[in-house]
Amino acid sequence: MNQWCEVVVEGPHDAVRGFVSGFEFARDQREQVVFGRDLPIAPASLQEKLARLLAGGSHTLLFGPRAVALELARGLREWGAPAGLSVTHVREIRRASFRFDGETFNPEVAGRIHAAMVTSLPEAVAIADLHEHEETSPGAAGTELYAPDHAFRYRVTGVCSGPLAGILEMHRRATDLQFVEAEGIGIESSEVECP
């Protein structure tokens, strides 16, 4: 399982971006570190985190796979001071989750939604409170959204939860699918000792 961590860095955001770019260049790996503001984090979860962080000045929230995040935190602690950067804390993501719902009047679209959101889940991702409902009305005609009666209707709701990497994948699937809406991602984390 690919465990992720969040790293909170105090200092100018542009300096953090520059440090992360240099870090990724030195590792010859891009897109290993993700900025919190670039993720679809639920506003309540983000506000709660920011309220804790903003007491001392400007902060940037970073996410990455555990090994990468810990290496980044060590690098920031060792070489970040000249750029005005310091690590406030490192937290392990225990669980991430989001609620989704979808509705369509087209059987082909329903099949795509079901395949992406219910049957082919990333490792360790689970769906809770799953409710799927499909109904057909043979006498009705029309798949158009504003038809008075539909021959087919599919509705699905659920909560995806699991490791952050898998939840990011599921959230991307949900937002890529037509007729599916996804709420922001909620994150549960705990403090980690960073060597």
N, C-alpha and C. Protein backbone atom coordinates (compact mmCIF):
# COMPACT_ATOMS: atom_id res chain seq x y z
N MET A 1 0.85 -1.18 0.00
CA MET A 1 0.00 0.00 0.00
C MET A 1 0.89 1.24 0.00
N ASN A 2 0.52 2.22 -0.77
CA ASN A 2 1.31 3.43 -0.93
C ASN A 2 0.85 4.48 0.09
N GLN A 3 1.52 4.54 1.24
CA GLN A 3 1.18 5.48 2.30
C GLN A 3 1.67 6.88 1.95
N TRP A 4 0.85 7.89 2.17
CA TRP A 4 1.22 9.27 1.90
C TRP A 4 1.30 10.06 3.20
N CYS A 5 2.05 11.16 3.14
CA CYS A 5 2.17 12.07 4.28
C CYS A 5 1.93 13.49 3.80
N GLU A 6 1.58 14.36 4.76
CA GLU A 6 1.50 15.79 4.48
C GLU A 6 2.64 16.47 5.22
N VAL A 7 3.22 17.46 4.57
CA VAL A 7 4.32 18.22 5.16
C VAL A 7 3.87 19.68 5.15
N VAL A 8 3.91 20.33 6.30
CA VAL A 8 3.53 21.73 6.39
C VAL A 8 4.81 22.55 6.50
N VAL A 9 4.95 23.50 5.58
CA VAL A 9 6.16 24.32 5.50
C VAL A 9 5.79 25.77 5.77
N GLU A 10 6.51 26.39 6.69
CA GLU A 10 6.32 27.81 6.96
C GLU A 10 7.34 28.59 6.14
N GLY A 11 6.86 29.63 5.47
CA GLY A 11 7.73 30.47 4.66
C GLY A 11 7.04 30.90 3.39
N PRO A 12 7.69 31.75 2.59
CA PRO A 12 7.08 32.25 1.36
C PRO A 12 6.73 31.12 0.39
N HIS A 13 5.52 31.18 -0.14
CA HIS A 13 5.03 30.13 -1.03
C HIS A 13 5.94 29.96 -2.26
N ASP A 14 6.39 31.07 -2.84
CA ASP A 14 7.25 30.97 -4.03
C ASP A 14 8.56 30.26 -3.69
N ALA A 15 9.10 30.48 -2.50
CA ALA A 15 10.32 29.80 -2.08
C ALA A 15 10.08 28.30 -1.92
N VAL A 16 8.90 27.95 -1.40
CA VAL A 16 8.55 26.53 -1.26
C VAL A 16 8.46 25.90 -2.65
N ARG A 17 7.79 26.57 -3.58
CA ARG A 17 7.68 26.04 -4.95
C ARG A 17 9.07 25.83 -5.55
N GLY A 18 9.96 26.79 -5.37
CA GLY A 18 11.31 26.67 -5.89
C GLY A 18 12.07 25.52 -5.25
N PHE A 19 11.93 25.37 -3.94
CA PHE A 19 12.61 24.28 -3.23
C PHE A 19 12.11 22.93 -3.74
N VAL A 20 10.79 22.79 -3.88
CA VAL A 20 10.21 21.53 -4.35
C VAL A 20 10.67 21.23 -5.77
N SER A 21 10.73 22.24 -6.63
CA SER A 21 11.21 22.03 -8.01
C SER A 21 12.65 21.52 -7.99
N GLY A 22 13.50 22.13 -7.18
CA GLY A 22 14.88 21.68 -7.07
C GLY A 22 14.98 20.27 -6.50
N PHE A 23 14.14 19.96 -5.52
CA PHE A 23 14.09 18.64 -4.91
C PHE A 23 13.73 17.59 -5.96
N GLU A 24 12.69 17.87 -6.74
CA GLU A 24 12.26 16.92 -7.76
C GLU A 24 13.32 16.78 -8.86
N PHE A 25 13.96 17.89 -9.23
CA PHE A 25 15.00 17.85 -10.25
C PHE A 25 16.16 16.98 -9.77
N ALA A 26 16.56 17.16 -8.52
CA ALA A 26 17.67 16.38 -7.96
C ALA A 26 17.34 14.89 -7.92
N ARG A 27 16.08 14.57 -7.69
CA ARG A 27 15.65 13.16 -7.65
C ARG A 27 15.35 12.63 -9.05
N ASP A 28 15.29 13.52 -10.04
CA ASP A 28 14.93 13.18 -11.42
C ASP A 28 13.55 12.52 -11.48
N GLN A 29 12.64 13.04 -10.63
CA GLN A 29 11.26 12.56 -10.61
C GLN A 29 10.33 13.74 -10.44
N ARG A 30 9.43 13.91 -11.36
CA ARG A 30 8.45 14.99 -11.27
C ARG A 30 7.13 14.44 -10.74
N GLU A 31 6.33 15.34 -10.23
CA GLU A 31 4.98 15.04 -9.77
C GLU A 31 4.94 14.05 -8.61
N GLN A 32 6.02 13.98 -7.83
CA GLN A 32 6.02 13.17 -6.63
C GLN A 32 5.44 13.95 -5.45
N VAL A 33 5.57 15.27 -5.49
CA VAL A 33 5.08 16.15 -4.42
C VAL A 33 3.91 16.95 -4.99
N VAL A 34 2.82 16.98 -4.24
CA VAL A 34 1.62 17.68 -4.69
C VAL A 34 1.31 18.78 -3.68
N PHE A 35 1.02 19.98 -4.17
CA PHE A 35 0.66 21.10 -3.31
C PHE A 35 -0.80 20.97 -2.91
N GLY A 36 -1.06 21.21 -1.62
CA GLY A 36 -2.42 21.10 -1.09
C GLY A 36 -3.42 21.94 -1.85
N ARG A 37 -3.01 23.14 -2.28
CA ARG A 37 -3.95 24.00 -2.99
C ARG A 37 -4.30 23.46 -4.37
N ASP A 38 -3.54 22.45 -4.86
CA ASP A 38 -3.82 21.85 -6.16
C ASP A 38 -4.70 20.60 -6.04
N LEU A 39 -5.06 20.23 -4.83
CA LEU A 39 -5.90 19.04 -4.60
C LEU A 39 -7.33 19.45 -4.29
N PRO A 40 -8.28 18.58 -4.61
CA PRO A 40 -9.69 18.87 -4.31
C PRO A 40 -10.04 18.55 -2.85
N ILE A 41 -9.36 19.20 -1.92
CA ILE A 41 -9.60 18.96 -0.50
C ILE A 41 -10.89 19.66 -0.08
N ALA A 42 -11.69 18.98 0.72
CA ALA A 42 -12.96 19.53 1.20
C ALA A 42 -12.69 20.84 1.95
N PRO A 43 -13.49 21.87 1.68
CA PRO A 43 -13.27 23.16 2.35
C PRO A 43 -13.22 23.06 3.87
N ALA A 44 -14.07 22.26 4.48
CA ALA A 44 -14.07 22.14 5.95
C ALA A 44 -12.74 21.55 6.42
N SER A 45 -12.27 20.53 5.72
CA SER A 45 -11.00 19.90 6.09
C SER A 45 -9.85 20.87 5.90
N LEU A 46 -9.86 21.60 4.80
CA LEU A 46 -8.80 22.56 4.51
C LEU A 46 -8.85 23.72 5.50
N GLN A 47 -10.05 24.24 5.82
CA GLN A 47 -10.17 25.36 6.76
C GLN A 47 -9.67 24.94 8.14
N GLU A 48 -9.99 23.71 8.54
CA GLU A 48 -9.55 23.22 9.84
C GLU A 48 -8.02 23.16 9.89
N LYS A 49 -7.41 22.67 8.82
CA LYS A 49 -5.95 22.59 8.77
C LYS A 49 -5.34 23.98 8.75
N LEU A 50 -5.89 24.87 7.94
CA LEU A 50 -5.33 26.22 7.83
C LEU A 50 -5.48 27.00 9.13
N ALA A 51 -6.59 26.79 9.83
CA ALA A 51 -6.78 27.50 11.10
C ALA A 51 -5.66 27.14 12.08
N ARG A 52 -5.25 25.86 12.08
CA ARG A 52 -4.17 25.43 12.96
C ARG A 52 -2.82 25.98 12.50
N LEU A 53 -2.69 26.20 11.20
CA LEU A 53 -1.40 26.56 10.63
C LEU A 53 -1.11 28.05 10.57
N LEU A 54 -2.13 28.85 10.39
CA LEU A 54 -1.90 30.25 10.08
C LEU A 54 -1.59 31.13 11.28
N ALA A 55 -1.50 30.55 12.45
CA ALA A 55 -1.19 31.35 13.64
C ALA A 55 0.18 32.01 13.53
N GLY A 56 1.15 31.36 12.88
CA GLY A 56 2.51 31.90 12.87
C GLY A 56 2.94 32.54 11.56
N GLY A 57 2.12 32.61 10.55
CA GLY A 57 2.53 33.21 9.28
C GLY A 57 2.08 32.38 8.10
N SER A 58 2.76 32.56 6.97
CA SER A 58 2.35 31.86 5.75
C SER A 58 2.82 30.40 5.78
N HIS A 59 1.93 29.51 5.39
CA HIS A 59 2.22 28.09 5.39
C HIS A 59 1.81 27.49 4.05
N THR A 60 2.50 26.44 3.67
CA THR A 60 2.17 25.69 2.47
C THR A 60 2.02 24.23 2.87
N LEU A 61 0.96 23.61 2.39
CA LEU A 61 0.66 22.22 2.68
C LEU A 61 1.09 21.40 1.47
N LEU A 62 1.97 20.41 1.70
CA LEU A 62 2.48 19.54 0.64
C LEU A 62 2.09 18.10 0.93
N PHE A 63 1.87 17.32 -0.11
CA PHE A 63 1.55 15.90 0.04
C PHE A 63 2.47 15.09 -0.86
N GLY A 64 2.80 13.88 -0.41
CA GLY A 64 3.62 12.99 -1.22
C GLY A 64 3.67 11.61 -0.61
N PRO A 65 4.12 10.63 -1.40
CA PRO A 65 4.32 9.29 -0.83
C PRO A 65 5.25 9.38 0.38
N ARG A 66 5.04 8.53 1.35
CA ARG A 66 5.74 8.63 2.65
C ARG A 66 7.25 8.83 2.50
N ALA A 67 7.93 7.97 1.74
CA ALA A 67 9.39 8.08 1.61
C ALA A 67 9.79 9.43 1.02
N VAL A 68 9.06 9.87 0.02
CA VAL A 68 9.36 11.16 -0.63
C VAL A 68 9.11 12.31 0.34
N ALA A 69 7.97 12.27 1.04
CA ALA A 69 7.61 13.34 1.98
C ALA A 69 8.63 13.45 3.11
N LEU A 70 9.07 12.31 3.64
CA LEU A 70 10.05 12.34 4.73
C LEU A 70 11.40 12.85 4.24
N GLU A 71 11.78 12.46 3.03
CA GLU A 71 13.03 12.96 2.45
C GLU A 71 12.95 14.47 2.20
N LEU A 72 11.81 14.92 1.71
CA LEU A 72 11.60 16.36 1.49
C LEU A 72 11.68 17.12 2.81
N ALA A 73 11.03 16.59 3.85
CA ALA A 73 11.05 17.25 5.16
C ALA A 73 12.48 17.33 5.69
N ARG A 74 13.24 16.25 5.55
CA ARG A 74 14.65 16.28 5.98
C ARG A 74 15.43 17.33 5.20
N GLY A 75 15.22 17.39 3.89
CA GLY A 75 15.90 18.38 3.06
C GLY A 75 15.55 19.80 3.45
N LEU A 76 14.27 20.04 3.72
CA LEU A 76 13.84 21.38 4.14
C LEU A 76 14.46 21.75 5.48
N ARG A 77 14.52 20.80 6.39
CA ARG A 77 15.11 21.09 7.70
C ARG A 77 16.60 21.39 7.58
N GLU A 78 17.26 20.70 6.65
CA GLU A 78 18.71 20.87 6.51
C GLU A 78 19.07 22.10 5.66
N TRP A 79 18.33 22.36 4.58
CA TRP A 79 18.72 23.41 3.64
C TRP A 79 17.68 24.50 3.42
N GLY A 80 16.56 24.46 4.13
CA GLY A 80 15.50 25.44 3.90
C GLY A 80 15.69 26.78 4.57
N ALA A 81 16.44 26.85 5.65
CA ALA A 81 16.59 28.08 6.43
C ALA A 81 17.07 29.28 5.60
N PRO A 82 18.08 29.14 4.72
CA PRO A 82 18.50 30.31 3.94
C PRO A 82 17.39 30.91 3.07
N ALA A 83 16.40 30.09 2.70
CA ALA A 83 15.27 30.58 1.90
C ALA A 83 14.10 31.00 2.79
N GLY A 84 14.29 30.96 4.11
CA GLY A 84 13.21 31.33 5.04
C GLY A 84 12.17 30.25 5.21
N LEU A 85 12.55 28.99 5.01
CA LEU A 85 11.61 27.87 5.08
C LEU A 85 11.90 26.99 6.29
N SER A 86 10.85 26.57 6.95
CA SER A 86 10.98 25.60 8.04
C SER A 86 9.78 24.67 8.03
N VAL A 87 10.00 23.45 8.48
CA VAL A 87 8.93 22.45 8.54
C VAL A 87 8.20 22.60 9.86
N THR A 88 6.90 22.84 9.78
CA THR A 88 6.07 22.96 10.98
C THR A 88 5.74 21.58 11.54
N HIS A 89 5.29 20.69 10.66
CA HIS A 89 5.06 19.31 11.08
C HIS A 89 4.89 18.40 9.86
N VAL A 90 5.01 17.10 10.14
CA VAL A 90 4.78 16.06 9.14
C VAL A 90 3.71 15.15 9.72
N ARG A 91 2.68 14.89 8.91
CA ARG A 91 1.58 14.05 9.37
C ARG A 91 1.34 12.94 8.35
N GLU A 92 1.07 11.73 8.86
CA GLU A 92 0.76 10.60 8.00
C GLU A 92 -0.74 10.60 7.71
N ILE A 93 -1.09 10.42 6.45
CA ILE A 93 -2.50 10.36 6.07
C ILE A 93 -3.02 8.96 6.43
N ARG A 94 -3.89 8.91 7.41
CA ARG A 94 -4.47 7.62 7.82
C ARG A 94 -5.57 7.20 6.86
N ARG A 95 -6.35 8.18 6.42
CA ARG A 95 -7.50 7.86 5.57
C ARG A 95 -7.95 9.11 4.85
N ALA A 96 -8.41 8.95 3.64
CA ALA A 96 -9.01 10.03 2.88
C ALA A 96 -10.36 9.52 2.37
N SER A 97 -11.29 10.44 2.15
CA SER A 97 -12.61 10.00 1.69
C SER A 97 -13.34 11.15 1.00
N PHE A 98 -14.33 10.78 0.19
CA PHE A 98 -15.23 11.77 -0.41
C PHE A 98 -16.54 11.09 -0.79
N ARG A 99 -17.58 11.88 -0.81
CA ARG A 99 -18.92 11.41 -1.20
C ARG A 99 -19.13 11.72 -2.67
N PHE A 100 -19.79 10.82 -3.37
CA PHE A 100 -20.13 11.05 -4.78
C PHE A 100 -21.56 10.64 -5.04
N ASP A 101 -22.14 11.20 -6.07
CA ASP A 101 -23.44 10.73 -6.54
C ASP A 101 -23.54 10.98 -8.04
N GLY A 102 -24.30 10.11 -8.68
CA GLY A 102 -24.47 10.22 -10.11
C GLY A 102 -25.86 9.78 -10.52
N GLU A 103 -26.30 10.32 -11.63
CA GLU A 103 -27.60 9.96 -12.18
C GLU A 103 -27.56 10.11 -13.69
N THR A 104 -28.09 9.11 -14.38
CA THR A 104 -28.16 9.18 -15.83
C THR A 104 -29.40 8.45 -16.32
N PHE A 105 -29.80 8.79 -17.53
CA PHE A 105 -30.94 8.16 -18.16
C PHE A 105 -30.49 7.34 -19.37
N ASN A 106 -29.18 7.13 -19.47
CA ASN A 106 -28.59 6.40 -20.59
C ASN A 106 -27.92 5.13 -20.06
N PRO A 107 -28.34 3.95 -20.53
CA PRO A 107 -27.76 2.70 -20.02
C PRO A 107 -26.25 2.57 -20.28
N GLU A 108 -25.76 3.07 -21.40
CA GLU A 108 -24.32 3.00 -21.68
C GLU A 108 -23.53 3.84 -20.68
N VAL A 109 -24.01 5.04 -20.40
CA VAL A 109 -23.34 5.91 -19.43
C VAL A 109 -23.41 5.27 -18.05
N ALA A 110 -24.54 4.67 -17.72
CA ALA A 110 -24.69 3.99 -16.43
C ALA A 110 -23.64 2.89 -16.29
N GLY A 111 -23.39 2.14 -17.34
CA GLY A 111 -22.37 1.10 -17.32
C GLY A 111 -20.98 1.65 -17.07
N ARG A 112 -20.66 2.80 -17.69
CA ARG A 112 -19.36 3.43 -17.48
C ARG A 112 -19.22 3.92 -16.04
N ILE A 113 -20.28 4.52 -15.51
CA ILE A 113 -20.25 5.00 -14.13
C ILE A 113 -20.05 3.83 -13.17
N HIS A 114 -20.83 2.76 -13.37
CA HIS A 114 -20.74 1.58 -12.50
C HIS A 114 -19.33 0.99 -12.55
N ALA A 115 -18.76 0.85 -13.74
CA ALA A 115 -17.42 0.28 -13.88
C ALA A 115 -16.37 1.14 -13.18
N ALA A 116 -16.44 2.44 -13.35
CA ALA A 116 -15.42 3.33 -12.79
C ALA A 116 -15.55 3.54 -11.29
N MET A 117 -16.78 3.59 -10.80
CA MET A 117 -16.99 3.98 -9.40
C MET A 117 -17.34 2.83 -8.46
N VAL A 118 -17.69 1.66 -9.00
CA VAL A 118 -18.15 0.58 -8.13
C VAL A 118 -17.33 -0.70 -8.28
N THR A 119 -16.99 -1.09 -9.51
CA THR A 119 -16.40 -2.42 -9.69
C THR A 119 -14.89 -2.46 -9.79
N SER A 120 -14.25 -1.44 -10.29
CA SER A 120 -12.78 -1.50 -10.47
C SER A 120 -12.10 -0.47 -9.57
N LEU A 121 -11.99 -0.82 -8.29
CA LEU A 121 -11.45 0.10 -7.30
C LEU A 121 -9.94 -0.08 -7.15
N PRO A 122 -9.21 1.02 -6.90
CA PRO A 122 -7.78 0.90 -6.60
C PRO A 122 -7.58 0.10 -5.30
N GLU A 123 -6.36 -0.39 -5.11
CA GLU A 123 -6.02 -1.18 -3.93
C GLU A 123 -6.37 -0.46 -2.63
N ALA A 124 -7.04 -1.17 -1.74
CA ALA A 124 -7.40 -0.71 -0.39
C ALA A 124 -8.46 0.38 -0.37
N VAL A 125 -9.07 0.70 -1.50
CA VAL A 125 -10.17 1.67 -1.53
C VAL A 125 -11.48 0.90 -1.37
N ALA A 126 -12.36 1.43 -0.54
CA ALA A 126 -13.66 0.80 -0.30
C ALA A 126 -14.76 1.82 -0.53
N ILE A 127 -15.95 1.31 -0.83
CA ILE A 127 -17.13 2.17 -0.99
C ILE A 127 -18.07 1.86 0.16
N ALA A 128 -18.40 2.89 0.94
CA ALA A 128 -19.37 2.76 2.04
C ALA A 128 -20.66 3.44 1.63
N ASP A 129 -21.73 3.08 2.29
CA ASP A 129 -23.05 3.68 2.03
C ASP A 129 -23.38 3.67 0.55
N LEU A 130 -23.04 2.57 -0.14
CA LEU A 130 -23.31 2.47 -1.57
C LEU A 130 -24.79 2.20 -1.79
N HIS A 131 -25.40 3.02 -2.60
CA HIS A 131 -26.80 2.84 -2.99
C HIS A 131 -26.86 2.98 -4.50
N GLU A 132 -27.22 1.88 -5.16
CA GLU A 132 -27.41 1.89 -6.61
C GLU A 132 -28.86 1.54 -6.88
N HIS A 133 -29.42 2.25 -7.80
CA HIS A 133 -30.81 1.98 -8.17
C HIS A 133 -30.94 2.15 -9.67
N GLU A 134 -31.50 1.14 -10.29
CA GLU A 134 -31.73 1.16 -11.73
C GLU A 134 -33.18 0.80 -11.97
N GLU A 135 -33.84 1.57 -12.80
CA GLU A 135 -35.23 1.25 -13.11
C GLU A 135 -35.48 1.45 -14.60
N THR A 136 -36.37 0.63 -15.11
CA THR A 136 -36.76 0.75 -16.51
C THR A 136 -38.27 0.90 -16.58
N SER A 137 -38.69 1.71 -17.52
CA SER A 137 -40.12 1.91 -17.80
C SER A 137 -40.31 1.68 -19.29
N PRO A 138 -40.63 0.44 -19.68
CA PRO A 138 -40.70 0.11 -21.10
C PRO A 138 -41.65 1.00 -21.91
N GLY A 139 -42.69 1.51 -21.30
CA GLY A 139 -43.65 2.34 -22.01
C GLY A 139 -43.16 3.77 -22.22
N ALA A 140 -42.20 4.18 -21.45
CA ALA A 140 -41.69 5.56 -21.55
C ALA A 140 -40.71 5.65 -22.71
N ALA A 141 -40.50 6.86 -23.17
CA ALA A 141 -39.57 7.08 -24.28
C ALA A 141 -38.66 8.24 -23.94
N GLY A 142 -37.41 8.13 -24.37
CA GLY A 142 -36.52 9.27 -24.26
C GLY A 142 -35.44 9.09 -23.21
N THR A 143 -34.22 9.50 -23.59
CA THR A 143 -33.11 9.52 -22.65
C THR A 143 -32.69 10.95 -22.36
N GLU A 144 -33.34 11.90 -22.99
CA GLU A 144 -32.98 13.30 -22.81
C GLU A 144 -33.28 13.73 -21.38
N LEU A 145 -32.49 14.65 -20.89
CA LEU A 145 -32.61 15.10 -19.51
C LEU A 145 -34.00 15.63 -19.19
N TYR A 146 -34.62 16.35 -20.11
CA TYR A 146 -35.90 17.00 -19.84
C TYR A 146 -37.09 16.26 -20.43
N ALA A 147 -36.90 14.99 -20.79
CA ALA A 147 -38.03 14.19 -21.28
C ALA A 147 -39.02 14.02 -20.13
N PRO A 148 -40.33 14.02 -20.43
CA PRO A 148 -41.32 13.90 -19.37
C PRO A 148 -41.24 12.57 -18.61
N ASP A 149 -40.84 11.52 -19.28
CA ASP A 149 -40.70 10.23 -18.64
C ASP A 149 -39.54 9.51 -19.31
N HIS A 150 -38.77 8.77 -18.55
CA HIS A 150 -37.58 8.12 -19.08
C HIS A 150 -37.75 6.61 -19.11
N ALA A 151 -37.25 6.00 -20.18
CA ALA A 151 -37.32 4.55 -20.30
C ALA A 151 -36.32 3.88 -19.35
N PHE A 152 -35.30 4.61 -18.95
CA PHE A 152 -34.25 4.06 -18.09
C PHE A 152 -33.76 5.14 -17.14
N ARG A 153 -33.45 4.73 -15.92
CA ARG A 153 -32.87 5.67 -14.95
C ARG A 153 -31.91 4.90 -14.04
N TYR A 154 -30.73 5.46 -13.85
CA TYR A 154 -29.72 4.87 -12.96
C TYR A 154 -29.27 5.94 -11.99
N ARG A 155 -29.22 5.58 -10.72
CA ARG A 155 -28.75 6.51 -9.70
C ARG A 155 -27.80 5.75 -8.78
N VAL A 156 -26.69 6.42 -8.41
CA VAL A 156 -25.72 5.81 -7.51
C VAL A 156 -25.20 6.87 -6.55
N THR A 157 -25.03 6.48 -5.29
CA THR A 157 -24.39 7.35 -4.30
C THR A 157 -23.48 6.47 -3.45
N GLY A 158 -22.46 7.07 -2.88
CA GLY A 158 -21.56 6.32 -2.02
C GLY A 158 -20.46 7.21 -1.47
N VAL A 159 -19.66 6.62 -0.60
CA VAL A 159 -18.51 7.31 -0.02
C VAL A 159 -17.28 6.45 -0.29
N CYS A 160 -16.34 7.00 -1.05
CA CYS A 160 -15.06 6.32 -1.29
C CYS A 160 -14.14 6.64 -0.13
N SER A 161 -13.45 5.63 0.40
CA SER A 161 -12.48 5.88 1.46
C SER A 161 -11.31 4.92 1.32
N GLY A 162 -10.15 5.39 1.78
CA GLY A 162 -8.95 4.57 1.71
C GLY A 162 -7.71 5.43 1.70
N PRO A 163 -6.60 4.89 1.19
CA PRO A 163 -5.36 5.66 1.14
C PRO A 163 -5.48 6.83 0.16
N LEU A 164 -4.75 7.90 0.42
CA LEU A 164 -4.88 9.12 -0.37
C LEU A 164 -4.63 8.88 -1.86
N ALA A 165 -3.62 8.10 -2.22
CA ALA A 165 -3.33 7.87 -3.65
C ALA A 165 -4.54 7.26 -4.36
N GLY A 166 -5.17 6.28 -3.76
CA GLY A 166 -6.35 5.66 -4.36
C GLY A 166 -7.53 6.59 -4.40
N ILE A 167 -7.70 7.41 -3.38
CA ILE A 167 -8.81 8.36 -3.33
C ILE A 167 -8.62 9.45 -4.37
N LEU A 168 -7.39 9.89 -4.57
CA LEU A 168 -7.13 10.87 -5.64
C LEU A 168 -7.51 10.29 -7.00
N GLU A 169 -7.20 9.02 -7.22
CA GLU A 169 -7.57 8.35 -8.48
C GLU A 169 -9.09 8.28 -8.62
N MET A 170 -9.78 7.88 -7.56
CA MET A 170 -11.24 7.78 -7.61
C MET A 170 -11.88 9.15 -7.82
N HIS A 171 -11.34 10.18 -7.18
CA HIS A 171 -11.89 11.52 -7.35
C HIS A 171 -11.69 11.99 -8.79
N ARG A 172 -10.54 11.69 -9.38
CA ARG A 172 -10.29 12.04 -10.78
C ARG A 172 -11.29 11.32 -11.68
N ARG A 173 -11.54 10.04 -11.42
CA ARG A 173 -12.53 9.30 -12.21
C ARG A 173 -13.90 9.96 -12.12
N ALA A 174 -14.29 10.29 -10.89
CA ALA A 174 -15.62 10.88 -10.68
C ALA A 174 -15.76 12.20 -11.43
N THR A 175 -14.74 13.04 -11.37
CA THR A 175 -14.85 14.34 -12.03
C THR A 175 -14.72 14.21 -13.54
N ASP A 176 -14.10 13.13 -14.02
CA ASP A 176 -14.01 12.91 -15.47
C ASP A 176 -15.30 12.35 -16.05
N LEU A 177 -16.14 11.75 -15.21
CA LEU A 177 -17.39 11.15 -15.68
C LEU A 177 -18.49 12.19 -15.78
N GLN A 178 -19.18 12.15 -16.90
CA GLN A 178 -20.33 13.01 -17.06
C GLN A 178 -21.46 12.47 -16.16
N PHE A 179 -22.19 13.36 -15.55
CA PHE A 179 -23.34 13.03 -14.69
C PHE A 179 -22.96 12.50 -13.31
N VAL A 180 -21.69 12.66 -12.91
CA VAL A 180 -21.26 12.28 -11.56
C VAL A 180 -20.71 13.52 -10.88
N GLU A 181 -21.11 13.74 -9.65
CA GLU A 181 -20.59 14.86 -8.86
C GLU A 181 -19.84 14.29 -7.66
N ALA A 182 -18.72 14.93 -7.33
CA ALA A 182 -17.90 14.48 -6.20
C ALA A 182 -17.67 15.65 -5.27
N GLU A 183 -17.84 15.41 -3.97
CA GLU A 183 -17.52 16.43 -2.97
C GLU A 183 -16.00 16.48 -2.80
N GLY A 184 -15.54 17.47 -2.05
CA GLY A 184 -14.11 17.57 -1.76
C GLY A 184 -13.64 16.41 -0.89
N ILE A 185 -12.35 16.18 -0.91
CA ILE A 185 -11.75 15.08 -0.16
C ILE A 185 -11.50 15.48 1.29
N GLY A 186 -11.97 14.66 2.20
CA GLY A 186 -11.68 14.84 3.62
C GLY A 186 -10.46 14.00 3.98
N ILE A 187 -9.60 14.53 4.84
CA ILE A 187 -8.36 13.85 5.18
C ILE A 187 -8.25 13.70 6.69
N GLU A 188 -7.92 12.48 7.13
CA GLU A 188 -7.62 12.20 8.53
C GLU A 188 -6.13 11.87 8.61
N SER A 189 -5.42 12.56 9.50
CA SER A 189 -3.96 12.35 9.58
C SER A 189 -3.52 12.34 11.04
N SER A 190 -2.29 11.84 11.24
CA SER A 190 -1.71 11.84 12.59
C SER A 190 -0.23 12.20 12.49
N GLU A 191 0.27 12.80 13.55
CA GLU A 191 1.65 13.29 13.61
C GLU A 191 2.64 12.14 13.42
N VAL A 192 3.75 12.44 12.71
CA VAL A 192 4.78 11.45 12.44
C VAL A 192 6.11 11.97 12.92
N GLU A 193 6.93 11.09 13.47
CA GLU A 193 8.30 11.46 13.82
C GLU A 193 9.11 11.48 12.53
N CYS A 194 9.77 12.56 12.27
CA CYS A 194 10.57 12.69 11.05
C CYS A 194 12.05 12.64 11.41
N PRO A 195 12.76 11.60 10.93
CA PRO A 195 14.18 11.48 11.28
C PRO A 195 15.01 12.63 10.75
